[in-house]
Each structure stands twice: as C-alpha cells, then as structure tokens.
Amino acid sequence: MTQHGGLAVHSALARGVFSVAVLVSLAVLFAPASDVPSGFDGADKVVHLLLFGVLASTGRWAGISAKVLAPLLIGYAAVSEVVQGLEVLGRSTSVGDLVADVLGVLVGLVVWEAARRRATTGS
C-alpha cells in the first residue's frame, strides 16, 4: 500500500476495482441496441457521465496519473461513439454522449482530487 496525497492506494484492490469499471464500461458502451434499456429522457447522458466519472476516479485510485488517464479516457469515449455508430450494434453516434463522457472524466478527476485533499488535511 502506498499513500497518494493522504489517500491509501491499495494497489491490488484499486486496480481490481478499476478493472471491473473498465469491464462494465465495455458492456455498457458496446452492447447492441436490443440490450440497451430505455429510460427517462436524457438517461443515457446520465449513464455516460457516471460511467466515465467512475472510470476517472477509480483510475486515479489505481495510481494512474491524471495527465495519462484523462487523454486515454477521452480517446476511449471518442472511439466508443464511433463504434456505437457501426451498423452491427444498431446504435448511433452522439456528440451529446461524448460531451457527457468528457464531463464525467472531469467530474471523476475533481472528485478524486477533492477526496485526496480532504484526506491530506484530515478534515
């Protein structure tokens, strides 16, 4: 276990949680349209924001620097939107989803930083 600004980074546990988040994202982002549940208007944007927020925060917990993680996740978001537009999935590419993904990355990084600072100051 190492300390990351006051927060304990449990390497095996943190990497495991990040790995599970990545696997969940693969299932959510690349499921065919027939497997995607419907919800309230805008629910997909909320799912995208939360999903990428979890990826960003668990990635930081796993010890991946923000300078590496943010561009990788944003690239992953862009690629996922292109793949969703392929006919085989029966889904569509959405700039709105990409914006929600990027916002999720930013929120996840901010949440991680706030938790790190809180742990450092002990308040």
N, C-alpha and C. Protein backbone atom coordinates (compact mmCIF):
# COMPACT_ATOMS: atom_id res chain seq x y z
N MET A 1 0.86 -1.17 0.00
CA MET A 1 0.00 0.00 0.00
C MET A 1 0.90 1.23 0.00
N THR A 2 0.53 2.20 -0.82
CA THR A 2 1.25 3.46 -0.85
C THR A 2 0.28 4.57 -0.53
N GLN A 3 0.81 5.71 -0.19
CA GLN A 3 -0.01 6.88 0.08
C GLN A 3 -0.02 7.77 -1.15
N HIS A 4 -1.17 8.27 -1.49
CA HIS A 4 -1.31 9.19 -2.61
C HIS A 4 -1.96 10.45 -2.06
N GLY A 5 -1.12 11.36 -1.59
CA GLY A 5 -1.65 12.59 -1.03
C GLY A 5 -2.56 12.35 0.17
N GLY A 6 -2.25 11.37 1.00
CA GLY A 6 -3.05 11.09 2.17
C GLY A 6 -4.06 9.97 1.97
N LEU A 7 -4.40 9.64 0.73
CA LEU A 7 -5.32 8.54 0.47
C LEU A 7 -4.51 7.28 0.23
N ALA A 8 -4.90 6.21 0.87
CA ALA A 8 -4.20 4.95 0.66
C ALA A 8 -4.56 4.40 -0.70
N VAL A 9 -3.55 4.07 -1.48
CA VAL A 9 -3.77 3.43 -2.77
C VAL A 9 -3.43 1.96 -2.58
N HIS A 10 -4.44 1.14 -2.45
CA HIS A 10 -4.26 -0.29 -2.27
C HIS A 10 -4.13 -0.88 -3.67
N SER A 11 -2.92 -1.09 -4.09
CA SER A 11 -2.65 -1.39 -5.49
C SER A 11 -3.51 -2.52 -6.05
N ALA A 12 -3.55 -3.66 -5.40
CA ALA A 12 -4.31 -4.79 -5.96
C ALA A 12 -5.81 -4.49 -5.94
N LEU A 13 -6.32 -3.99 -4.83
CA LEU A 13 -7.74 -3.68 -4.73
C LEU A 13 -8.12 -2.56 -5.70
N ALA A 14 -7.34 -1.50 -5.71
CA ALA A 14 -7.64 -0.36 -6.58
C ALA A 14 -7.60 -0.75 -8.05
N ARG A 15 -6.60 -1.52 -8.42
CA ARG A 15 -6.52 -1.96 -9.82
C ARG A 15 -7.66 -2.90 -10.15
N GLY A 16 -8.06 -3.72 -9.20
CA GLY A 16 -9.19 -4.63 -9.41
C GLY A 16 -10.49 -3.86 -9.62
N VAL A 17 -10.72 -2.85 -8.80
CA VAL A 17 -11.93 -2.05 -8.93
C VAL A 17 -11.92 -1.30 -10.26
N PHE A 18 -10.77 -0.74 -10.63
CA PHE A 18 -10.67 -0.05 -11.92
C PHE A 18 -10.92 -1.04 -13.06
N SER A 19 -10.38 -2.24 -12.95
CA SER A 19 -10.59 -3.25 -13.99
C SER A 19 -12.06 -3.61 -14.14
N VAL A 20 -12.76 -3.74 -13.02
CA VAL A 20 -14.19 -4.03 -13.07
C VAL A 20 -14.93 -2.86 -13.73
N ALA A 21 -14.55 -1.63 -13.39
CA ALA A 21 -15.17 -0.46 -14.01
C ALA A 21 -14.96 -0.47 -15.52
N VAL A 22 -13.77 -0.85 -15.96
CA VAL A 22 -13.49 -0.93 -17.40
C VAL A 22 -14.37 -2.01 -18.04
N LEU A 23 -14.48 -3.17 -17.40
CA LEU A 23 -15.32 -4.24 -17.94
C LEU A 23 -16.78 -3.82 -18.02
N VAL A 24 -17.27 -3.15 -17.00
CA VAL A 24 -18.65 -2.67 -17.02
C VAL A 24 -18.82 -1.67 -18.17
N SER A 25 -17.83 -0.79 -18.35
CA SER A 25 -17.94 0.19 -19.43
C SER A 25 -17.99 -0.49 -20.80
N LEU A 26 -17.23 -1.54 -20.97
CA LEU A 26 -17.26 -2.29 -22.24
C LEU A 26 -18.65 -2.85 -22.49
N ALA A 27 -19.26 -3.41 -21.45
CA ALA A 27 -20.60 -3.98 -21.59
C ALA A 27 -21.63 -2.89 -21.88
N VAL A 28 -21.52 -1.76 -21.20
CA VAL A 28 -22.49 -0.67 -21.37
C VAL A 28 -22.33 0.00 -22.73
N LEU A 29 -21.10 0.29 -23.10
CA LEU A 29 -20.86 1.07 -24.31
C LEU A 29 -21.00 0.28 -25.60
N PHE A 30 -20.75 -1.03 -25.54
CA PHE A 30 -20.73 -1.81 -26.77
C PHE A 30 -21.83 -2.86 -26.86
N ALA A 31 -22.82 -2.76 -26.00
CA ALA A 31 -23.98 -3.65 -26.10
C ALA A 31 -24.80 -3.27 -27.33
N PRO A 32 -25.37 -4.27 -28.00
CA PRO A 32 -26.24 -3.94 -29.13
C PRO A 32 -27.49 -3.19 -28.66
N ALA A 33 -28.10 -2.46 -29.56
CA ALA A 33 -29.27 -1.64 -29.23
C ALA A 33 -30.36 -2.46 -28.54
N SER A 34 -30.52 -3.71 -28.93
CA SER A 34 -31.57 -4.55 -28.34
C SER A 34 -31.34 -4.83 -26.86
N ASP A 35 -30.11 -4.67 -26.38
CA ASP A 35 -29.79 -4.91 -24.98
C ASP A 35 -29.77 -3.64 -24.14
N VAL A 36 -29.99 -2.50 -24.76
CA VAL A 36 -29.93 -1.22 -24.04
C VAL A 36 -31.33 -0.88 -23.53
N PRO A 37 -31.47 -0.80 -22.20
CA PRO A 37 -32.80 -0.49 -21.66
C PRO A 37 -33.18 0.97 -21.94
N SER A 38 -34.47 1.20 -22.04
CA SER A 38 -34.93 2.58 -22.21
C SER A 38 -35.14 3.18 -20.83
N GLY A 39 -35.11 4.47 -20.78
CA GLY A 39 -35.31 5.17 -19.51
C GLY A 39 -35.90 6.53 -19.77
N PHE A 40 -35.80 7.39 -18.78
CA PHE A 40 -36.32 8.74 -18.94
C PHE A 40 -35.48 9.49 -19.97
N ASP A 41 -36.03 10.57 -20.47
CA ASP A 41 -35.36 11.38 -21.48
C ASP A 41 -34.03 11.90 -20.90
N GLY A 42 -32.94 11.60 -21.54
CA GLY A 42 -31.62 12.03 -21.07
C GLY A 42 -30.92 11.02 -20.17
N ALA A 43 -31.56 9.88 -19.92
CA ALA A 43 -30.95 8.87 -19.05
C ALA A 43 -29.61 8.40 -19.59
N ASP A 44 -29.49 8.30 -20.91
CA ASP A 44 -28.23 7.85 -21.49
C ASP A 44 -27.10 8.82 -21.18
N LYS A 45 -27.40 10.11 -21.13
CA LYS A 45 -26.37 11.11 -20.81
C LYS A 45 -25.90 10.94 -19.36
N VAL A 46 -26.85 10.68 -18.48
CA VAL A 46 -26.52 10.46 -17.06
C VAL A 46 -25.63 9.22 -16.93
N VAL A 47 -26.00 8.15 -17.64
CA VAL A 47 -25.20 6.91 -17.60
C VAL A 47 -23.79 7.19 -18.10
N HIS A 48 -23.65 7.91 -19.20
CA HIS A 48 -22.33 8.23 -19.74
C HIS A 48 -21.51 9.04 -18.74
N LEU A 49 -22.12 10.06 -18.16
CA LEU A 49 -21.42 10.90 -17.19
C LEU A 49 -20.95 10.08 -15.99
N LEU A 50 -21.84 9.29 -15.43
CA LEU A 50 -21.48 8.47 -14.26
C LEU A 50 -20.43 7.42 -14.60
N LEU A 51 -20.58 6.78 -15.74
CA LEU A 51 -19.64 5.75 -16.14
C LEU A 51 -18.23 6.30 -16.26
N PHE A 52 -18.09 7.43 -16.95
CA PHE A 52 -16.75 7.99 -17.12
C PHE A 52 -16.25 8.66 -15.85
N GLY A 53 -17.14 9.11 -15.00
CA GLY A 53 -16.72 9.60 -13.69
C GLY A 53 -16.13 8.49 -12.84
N VAL A 54 -16.77 7.34 -12.88
CA VAL A 54 -16.26 6.17 -12.14
C VAL A 54 -14.93 5.71 -12.73
N LEU A 55 -14.83 5.67 -14.06
CA LEU A 55 -13.56 5.29 -14.68
C LEU A 55 -12.44 6.23 -14.26
N ALA A 56 -12.71 7.53 -14.25
CA ALA A 56 -11.67 8.50 -13.89
C ALA A 56 -11.27 8.39 -12.42
N SER A 57 -12.24 8.31 -11.53
CA SER A 57 -11.92 8.27 -10.11
C SER A 57 -11.26 6.94 -9.71
N THR A 58 -11.74 5.84 -10.25
CA THR A 58 -11.10 4.56 -9.91
C THR A 58 -9.73 4.43 -10.56
N GLY A 59 -9.58 5.03 -11.74
CA GLY A 59 -8.26 5.03 -12.39
C GLY A 59 -7.25 5.80 -11.56
N ARG A 60 -7.67 6.94 -11.01
CA ARG A 60 -6.77 7.71 -10.13
C ARG A 60 -6.46 6.92 -8.87
N TRP A 61 -7.48 6.26 -8.30
CA TRP A 61 -7.27 5.45 -7.11
C TRP A 61 -6.26 4.34 -7.40
N ALA A 62 -6.31 3.81 -8.61
CA ALA A 62 -5.39 2.75 -9.00
C ALA A 62 -3.98 3.28 -9.24
N GLY A 63 -3.82 4.60 -9.20
CA GLY A 63 -2.49 5.18 -9.31
C GLY A 63 -2.12 5.71 -10.68
N ILE A 64 -3.08 5.79 -11.60
CA ILE A 64 -2.80 6.32 -12.93
C ILE A 64 -2.86 7.84 -12.85
N SER A 65 -1.83 8.50 -13.34
CA SER A 65 -1.79 9.96 -13.25
C SER A 65 -2.89 10.57 -14.12
N ALA A 66 -3.35 11.73 -13.69
CA ALA A 66 -4.40 12.43 -14.44
C ALA A 66 -3.93 12.81 -15.83
N LYS A 67 -2.64 13.11 -15.97
CA LYS A 67 -2.09 13.50 -17.27
C LYS A 67 -2.14 12.35 -18.27
N VAL A 68 -2.10 11.13 -17.79
CA VAL A 68 -2.20 9.95 -18.64
C VAL A 68 -3.66 9.52 -18.77
N LEU A 69 -4.35 9.49 -17.66
CA LEU A 69 -5.71 8.96 -17.62
C LEU A 69 -6.71 9.79 -18.42
N ALA A 70 -6.68 11.09 -18.26
CA ALA A 70 -7.67 11.94 -18.93
C ALA A 70 -7.65 11.78 -20.45
N PRO A 71 -6.48 11.90 -21.10
CA PRO A 71 -6.50 11.73 -22.56
C PRO A 71 -6.89 10.31 -22.99
N LEU A 72 -6.48 9.31 -22.21
CA LEU A 72 -6.87 7.93 -22.56
C LEU A 72 -8.37 7.74 -22.48
N LEU A 73 -8.99 8.25 -21.42
CA LEU A 73 -10.43 8.10 -21.28
C LEU A 73 -11.20 8.91 -22.31
N ILE A 74 -10.72 10.09 -22.64
CA ILE A 74 -11.38 10.89 -23.66
C ILE A 74 -11.25 10.21 -25.03
N GLY A 75 -10.09 9.64 -25.30
CA GLY A 75 -9.91 8.88 -26.54
C GLY A 75 -10.83 7.66 -26.58
N TYR A 76 -10.93 6.97 -25.44
CA TYR A 76 -11.82 5.81 -25.33
C TYR A 76 -13.26 6.23 -25.58
N ALA A 77 -13.65 7.39 -25.04
CA ALA A 77 -15.01 7.90 -25.25
C ALA A 77 -15.26 8.16 -26.72
N ALA A 78 -14.31 8.79 -27.39
CA ALA A 78 -14.46 9.10 -28.81
C ALA A 78 -14.56 7.83 -29.64
N VAL A 79 -13.69 6.87 -29.36
CA VAL A 79 -13.72 5.61 -30.10
C VAL A 79 -15.04 4.88 -29.84
N SER A 80 -15.51 4.91 -28.60
CA SER A 80 -16.76 4.21 -28.28
C SER A 80 -17.93 4.81 -29.07
N GLU A 81 -17.93 6.11 -29.25
CA GLU A 81 -19.01 6.73 -30.02
C GLU A 81 -18.94 6.33 -31.49
N VAL A 82 -17.74 6.24 -32.04
CA VAL A 82 -17.60 5.79 -33.44
C VAL A 82 -18.08 4.35 -33.57
N VAL A 83 -17.69 3.48 -32.64
CA VAL A 83 -18.10 2.08 -32.69
C VAL A 83 -19.61 1.95 -32.52
N GLN A 84 -20.20 2.76 -31.64
CA GLN A 84 -21.65 2.71 -31.46
C GLN A 84 -22.37 3.07 -32.75
N GLY A 85 -21.74 3.83 -33.61
CA GLY A 85 -22.34 4.20 -34.88
C GLY A 85 -22.28 3.13 -35.94
N LEU A 86 -21.57 2.04 -35.65
CA LEU A 86 -21.48 0.95 -36.63
C LEU A 86 -22.81 0.21 -36.71
N GLU A 87 -23.14 -0.19 -37.90
CA GLU A 87 -24.43 -0.84 -38.15
C GLU A 87 -24.62 -2.11 -37.31
N VAL A 88 -23.57 -2.83 -37.06
CA VAL A 88 -23.67 -4.11 -36.35
C VAL A 88 -24.28 -3.94 -34.95
N LEU A 89 -24.05 -2.81 -34.28
CA LEU A 89 -24.60 -2.59 -32.95
C LEU A 89 -26.02 -2.03 -33.00
N GLY A 90 -26.37 -1.41 -34.11
CA GLY A 90 -27.71 -0.84 -34.22
C GLY A 90 -27.92 0.36 -33.33
N ARG A 91 -26.84 0.99 -32.91
CA ARG A 91 -26.92 2.17 -32.07
C ARG A 91 -26.52 3.38 -32.89
N SER A 92 -26.36 4.51 -32.26
CA SER A 92 -25.98 5.70 -33.02
C SER A 92 -24.87 6.46 -32.31
N THR A 93 -24.11 7.18 -33.13
CA THR A 93 -23.07 8.06 -32.60
C THR A 93 -23.75 9.32 -32.09
N SER A 94 -23.27 9.82 -30.94
CA SER A 94 -23.90 11.00 -30.36
C SER A 94 -22.85 11.94 -29.79
N VAL A 95 -22.84 13.16 -30.30
CA VAL A 95 -21.94 14.18 -29.75
C VAL A 95 -22.32 14.47 -28.30
N GLY A 96 -23.61 14.44 -28.00
CA GLY A 96 -24.08 14.66 -26.63
C GLY A 96 -23.53 13.63 -25.67
N ASP A 97 -23.47 12.37 -26.11
CA ASP A 97 -22.89 11.32 -25.26
C ASP A 97 -21.41 11.57 -25.04
N LEU A 98 -20.71 12.00 -26.10
CA LEU A 98 -19.28 12.30 -25.97
C LEU A 98 -19.05 13.45 -25.00
N VAL A 99 -19.88 14.46 -25.07
CA VAL A 99 -19.77 15.58 -24.13
C VAL A 99 -20.00 15.08 -22.70
N ALA A 100 -21.01 14.23 -22.51
CA ALA A 100 -21.28 13.67 -21.18
C ALA A 100 -20.09 12.84 -20.70
N ASP A 101 -19.46 12.09 -21.60
CA ASP A 101 -18.28 11.30 -21.25
C ASP A 101 -17.15 12.20 -20.75
N VAL A 102 -16.88 13.26 -21.50
CA VAL A 102 -15.79 14.18 -21.14
C VAL A 102 -16.10 14.87 -19.81
N LEU A 103 -17.34 15.29 -19.63
CA LEU A 103 -17.72 15.88 -18.35
C LEU A 103 -17.56 14.87 -17.22
N GLY A 104 -17.90 13.61 -17.48
CA GLY A 104 -17.72 12.57 -16.48
C GLY A 104 -16.27 12.40 -16.09
N VAL A 105 -15.38 12.43 -17.07
CA VAL A 105 -13.94 12.35 -16.78
C VAL A 105 -13.54 13.51 -15.87
N LEU A 106 -13.96 14.71 -16.23
CA LEU A 106 -13.61 15.88 -15.42
C LEU A 106 -14.17 15.79 -14.01
N VAL A 107 -15.43 15.36 -13.89
CA VAL A 107 -16.05 15.21 -12.57
C VAL A 107 -15.29 14.16 -11.75
N GLY A 108 -14.97 13.04 -12.37
CA GLY A 108 -14.24 11.99 -11.66
C GLY A 108 -12.88 12.46 -11.16
N LEU A 109 -12.18 13.23 -11.98
CA LEU A 109 -10.87 13.75 -11.57
C LEU A 109 -11.01 14.77 -10.44
N VAL A 110 -12.03 15.61 -10.52
CA VAL A 110 -12.27 16.60 -9.47
C VAL A 110 -12.66 15.90 -8.16
N VAL A 111 -13.51 14.91 -8.24
CA VAL A 111 -13.91 14.16 -7.04
C VAL A 111 -12.70 13.50 -6.40
N TRP A 112 -11.85 12.88 -7.22
CA TRP A 112 -10.64 12.24 -6.68
C TRP A 112 -9.75 13.28 -6.00
N GLU A 113 -9.54 14.40 -6.66
CA GLU A 113 -8.67 15.44 -6.09
C GLU A 113 -9.25 15.98 -4.79
N ALA A 114 -10.56 16.19 -4.73
CA ALA A 114 -11.19 16.66 -3.51
C ALA A 114 -11.03 15.64 -2.38
N ALA A 115 -11.20 14.38 -2.71
CA ALA A 115 -11.03 13.32 -1.68
C ALA A 115 -9.58 13.26 -1.21
N ARG A 116 -8.64 13.42 -2.15
CA ARG A 116 -7.21 13.40 -1.80
C ARG A 116 -6.88 14.56 -0.88
N ARG A 117 -7.37 15.75 -1.23
CA ARG A 117 -7.10 16.93 -0.39
C ARG A 117 -7.73 16.80 0.98
N ARG A 118 -8.94 16.28 1.00
CA ARG A 118 -9.63 16.09 2.28
C ARG A 118 -8.85 15.11 3.16
N ALA A 119 -8.35 14.04 2.56
CA ALA A 119 -7.58 13.05 3.33
C ALA A 119 -6.26 13.65 3.79
N THR A 120 -5.67 14.53 2.98
CA THR A 120 -4.39 15.15 3.34
C THR A 120 -4.56 16.10 4.52
N THR A 121 -5.64 16.88 4.52
CA THR A 121 -5.86 17.85 5.59
C THR A 121 -6.51 17.22 6.82
N GLY A 122 -7.07 16.03 6.62
CA GLY A 122 -7.70 15.32 7.73
C GLY A 122 -9.04 15.89 8.14
N SER A 123 -9.65 16.72 7.28
CA SER A 123 -10.95 17.29 7.66
C SER A 123 -12.08 16.61 6.93
